[in-house]
């Protein structure tokens, strides 16, 4: 359903354009991961926990990017 005056859709979450909520959630997750990574690096760069956590995030991000572009290429 559309608002006649503004043209905004009532069916979209929070009344935002399609994909906006997904984008905001993705941005929030990435900023949170960056904040934690920076904290771990500032606290102790040589700890095993820092290496495991940051390595896992890099691997997960690589999987997400690969899946995104792999699906879009079809």
N, C-alpha and C. Protein backbone atom coordinates (compact mmCIF):
# COMPACT_ATOMS: atom_id res chain seq x y z
N UNK A 1 0.85 -1.17 0.00
CA UNK A 1 0.00 0.00 0.00
C UNK A 1 0.90 1.24 0.00
N UNK A 2 0.51 2.27 -0.71
CA UNK A 2 1.32 3.48 -0.81
C UNK A 2 0.57 4.66 -0.22
N UNK A 3 1.32 5.56 0.41
CA UNK A 3 0.78 6.81 0.90
C UNK A 3 0.67 7.75 -0.29
N UNK A 4 -0.50 8.29 -0.52
CA UNK A 4 -0.73 9.13 -1.71
C UNK A 4 0.09 10.41 -1.68
N UNK A 5 0.31 11.00 -0.50
CA UNK A 5 1.01 12.27 -0.42
C UNK A 5 2.52 12.11 -0.53
N UNK A 6 3.10 11.16 0.20
CA UNK A 6 4.56 11.03 0.23
C UNK A 6 5.08 9.95 -0.69
N UNK A 7 4.26 9.01 -1.09
CA UNK A 7 4.70 7.92 -1.93
C UNK A 7 5.43 6.84 -1.16
N UNK A 8 5.43 6.94 0.18
CA UNK A 8 6.12 5.95 1.00
C UNK A 8 5.27 4.70 1.14
N UNK A 9 5.91 3.55 1.14
CA UNK A 9 5.20 2.30 1.29
C UNK A 9 4.95 1.96 2.74
N UNK A 10 3.73 1.56 3.07
CA UNK A 10 3.40 1.18 4.44
C UNK A 10 3.84 -0.24 4.74
N UNK A 11 4.09 -1.03 3.72
CA UNK A 11 4.43 -2.43 3.92
C UNK A 11 5.89 -2.64 4.28
N UNK A 12 6.74 -1.66 4.10
CA UNK A 12 8.17 -1.80 4.38
C UNK A 12 8.44 -1.57 5.87
N UNK A 13 9.44 -2.27 6.44
CA UNK A 13 9.76 -2.10 7.85
C UNK A 13 10.18 -0.67 8.15
N UNK A 14 9.64 -0.12 9.21
CA UNK A 14 9.92 1.24 9.68
C UNK A 14 9.59 2.31 8.65
N UNK A 15 8.88 1.96 7.60
CA UNK A 15 8.51 2.93 6.58
C UNK A 15 9.69 3.39 5.73
N UNK A 16 10.81 2.65 5.77
CA UNK A 16 12.00 3.00 5.01
C UNK A 16 11.97 2.32 3.65
N UNK A 17 12.77 2.82 2.70
CA UNK A 17 12.83 2.16 1.39
C UNK A 17 13.32 0.72 1.51
N UNK A 18 12.95 -0.09 0.54
CA UNK A 18 13.28 -1.51 0.55
C UNK A 18 14.79 -1.71 0.65
N UNK A 19 15.24 -2.57 1.56
CA UNK A 19 16.65 -2.87 1.75
C UNK A 19 17.35 -2.00 2.77
N UNK A 20 16.70 -0.95 3.26
CA UNK A 20 17.34 -0.04 4.20
C UNK A 20 17.60 -0.70 5.56
N UNK A 21 16.63 -1.45 6.05
CA UNK A 21 16.80 -2.08 7.35
C UNK A 21 17.91 -3.12 7.28
N UNK A 22 17.95 -3.89 6.21
CA UNK A 22 19.02 -4.88 6.02
C UNK A 22 20.38 -4.18 5.97
N UNK A 23 20.45 -3.06 5.29
CA UNK A 23 21.70 -2.31 5.20
C UNK A 23 22.13 -1.79 6.56
N UNK A 24 21.19 -1.27 7.33
CA UNK A 24 21.52 -0.75 8.66
C UNK A 24 21.97 -1.87 9.59
N UNK A 25 21.34 -3.03 9.52
CA UNK A 25 21.76 -4.16 10.34
C UNK A 25 23.16 -4.63 9.94
N UNK A 26 23.43 -4.70 8.66
CA UNK A 26 24.76 -5.10 8.19
C UNK A 26 25.82 -4.11 8.64
N UNK A 27 25.52 -2.85 8.53
CA UNK A 27 26.46 -1.82 8.96
C UNK A 27 26.72 -1.91 10.46
N UNK A 28 25.66 -2.15 11.23
CA UNK A 28 25.82 -2.29 12.68
C UNK A 28 26.68 -3.48 13.05
N UNK A 29 26.48 -4.61 12.39
CA UNK A 29 27.28 -5.80 12.67
C UNK A 29 28.74 -5.55 12.32
N UNK A 30 28.98 -4.93 11.17
CA UNK A 30 30.36 -4.65 10.76
C UNK A 30 31.04 -3.67 11.71
N UNK A 31 30.33 -2.63 12.14
CA UNK A 31 30.93 -1.68 13.08
C UNK A 31 31.20 -2.32 14.43
N UNK A 32 30.30 -3.20 14.86
CA UNK A 32 30.51 -3.92 16.12
C UNK A 32 31.72 -4.83 16.04
N UNK A 33 31.85 -5.56 14.94
CA UNK A 33 33.00 -6.45 14.75
C UNK A 33 34.30 -5.64 14.69
N UNK A 34 34.27 -4.50 14.03
CA UNK A 34 35.44 -3.65 13.95
C UNK A 34 35.83 -3.13 15.33
N UNK A 35 34.84 -2.72 16.11
CA UNK A 35 35.13 -2.21 17.46
C UNK A 35 35.75 -3.29 18.33
N UNK A 36 35.23 -4.50 18.26
CA UNK A 36 35.78 -5.60 19.06
C UNK A 36 37.19 -5.94 18.58
N UNK A 37 37.40 -5.97 17.28
CA UNK A 37 38.73 -6.27 16.73
C UNK A 37 39.75 -5.22 17.16
N UNK A 38 39.36 -3.95 17.08
CA UNK A 38 40.27 -2.89 17.51
C UNK A 38 40.58 -2.98 19.00
N UNK A 39 39.58 -3.32 19.80
CA UNK A 39 39.81 -3.49 21.24
C UNK A 39 40.78 -4.63 21.50
N UNK A 40 40.58 -5.76 20.83
CA UNK A 40 41.47 -6.90 21.03
C UNK A 40 42.89 -6.58 20.58
N UNK A 41 43.02 -5.87 19.47
CA UNK A 41 44.35 -5.50 18.99
C UNK A 41 45.03 -4.51 19.92
N UNK A 42 44.27 -3.57 20.48
CA UNK A 42 44.85 -2.58 21.38
C UNK A 42 45.21 -3.22 22.72
N UNK A 43 44.44 -4.19 23.18
CA UNK A 43 44.68 -4.80 24.48
C UNK A 43 45.93 -5.68 24.44
N UNK A 44 46.04 -6.57 23.46
CA UNK A 44 47.18 -7.47 23.38
C UNK A 44 47.24 -8.08 21.99
N UNK A 45 48.17 -7.59 21.18
CA UNK A 45 48.23 -8.05 19.79
C UNK A 45 48.77 -9.46 19.65
N UNK A 46 49.48 -9.96 20.63
CA UNK A 46 50.10 -11.27 20.50
C UNK A 46 49.31 -12.41 21.10
N UNK A 47 48.15 -12.14 21.68
CA UNK A 47 47.41 -13.21 22.35
C UNK A 47 46.78 -14.15 21.33
N UNK A 48 46.63 -15.39 21.74
CA UNK A 48 46.01 -16.39 20.87
C UNK A 48 44.55 -16.07 20.59
N UNK A 49 43.85 -15.52 21.59
CA UNK A 49 42.44 -15.16 21.41
C UNK A 49 42.29 -14.14 20.30
N UNK A 50 43.15 -13.14 20.28
CA UNK A 50 43.09 -12.11 19.25
C UNK A 50 43.28 -12.72 17.86
N UNK A 51 44.26 -13.60 17.73
CA UNK A 51 44.53 -14.22 16.44
C UNK A 51 43.36 -15.09 15.98
N UNK A 52 42.78 -15.84 16.89
CA UNK A 52 41.68 -16.73 16.53
C UNK A 52 40.44 -15.93 16.15
N UNK A 53 40.10 -14.93 16.95
CA UNK A 53 38.88 -14.14 16.70
C UNK A 53 38.99 -13.37 15.39
N UNK A 54 40.08 -12.68 15.19
CA UNK A 54 40.24 -11.88 13.97
C UNK A 54 40.35 -12.78 12.75
N UNK A 55 41.05 -13.89 12.88
CA UNK A 55 41.13 -14.84 11.76
C UNK A 55 39.77 -15.42 11.40
N UNK A 56 38.96 -15.72 12.41
CA UNK A 56 37.61 -16.23 12.16
C UNK A 56 36.73 -15.21 11.47
N UNK A 57 36.85 -13.95 11.88
CA UNK A 57 36.05 -12.90 11.25
C UNK A 57 36.46 -12.68 9.80
N UNK A 58 37.75 -12.75 9.53
CA UNK A 58 38.21 -12.58 8.16
C UNK A 58 37.70 -13.73 7.29
N UNK A 59 37.74 -14.95 7.82
CA UNK A 59 37.23 -16.10 7.07
C UNK A 59 35.73 -15.98 6.83
N UNK A 60 34.98 -15.58 7.86
CA UNK A 60 33.53 -15.43 7.71
C UNK A 60 33.19 -14.34 6.70
N UNK A 61 33.90 -13.23 6.76
CA UNK A 61 33.66 -12.14 5.81
C UNK A 61 33.97 -12.59 4.38
N UNK A 62 35.05 -13.36 4.21
CA UNK A 62 35.38 -13.89 2.89
C UNK A 62 34.29 -14.81 2.37
N UNK A 63 33.72 -15.64 3.25
CA UNK A 63 32.62 -16.53 2.84
C UNK A 63 31.39 -15.73 2.42
N UNK A 64 31.07 -14.70 3.18
CA UNK A 64 29.89 -13.89 2.86
C UNK A 64 30.09 -13.18 1.53
N UNK A 65 31.25 -12.60 1.32
CA UNK A 65 31.51 -11.89 0.06
C UNK A 65 31.49 -12.87 -1.11
N UNK A 66 32.11 -14.03 -0.94
CA UNK A 66 32.11 -15.03 -2.00
C UNK A 66 30.72 -15.53 -2.34
N UNK A 67 29.90 -15.76 -1.32
CA UNK A 67 28.53 -16.21 -1.56
C UNK A 67 27.72 -15.13 -2.26
N UNK A 68 27.88 -13.88 -1.82
CA UNK A 68 27.14 -12.76 -2.41
C UNK A 68 27.43 -12.64 -3.90
N UNK A 69 28.70 -12.61 -4.25
CA UNK A 69 29.05 -12.44 -5.66
C UNK A 69 28.81 -13.72 -6.45
N UNK A 70 28.89 -14.88 -5.81
CA UNK A 70 28.60 -16.13 -6.50
C UNK A 70 27.15 -16.25 -6.87
N UNK A 71 26.26 -15.83 -6.01
CA UNK A 71 24.82 -15.87 -6.29
C UNK A 71 24.44 -14.82 -7.32
N UNK A 72 25.05 -13.66 -7.25
CA UNK A 72 24.71 -12.56 -8.17
C UNK A 72 25.18 -12.83 -9.59
N UNK A 73 26.14 -13.72 -9.77
CA UNK A 73 26.69 -13.94 -11.11
C UNK A 73 25.81 -14.85 -11.96
N UNK A 74 24.82 -15.48 -11.37
CA UNK A 74 23.95 -16.42 -12.11
C UNK A 74 23.00 -15.69 -13.01
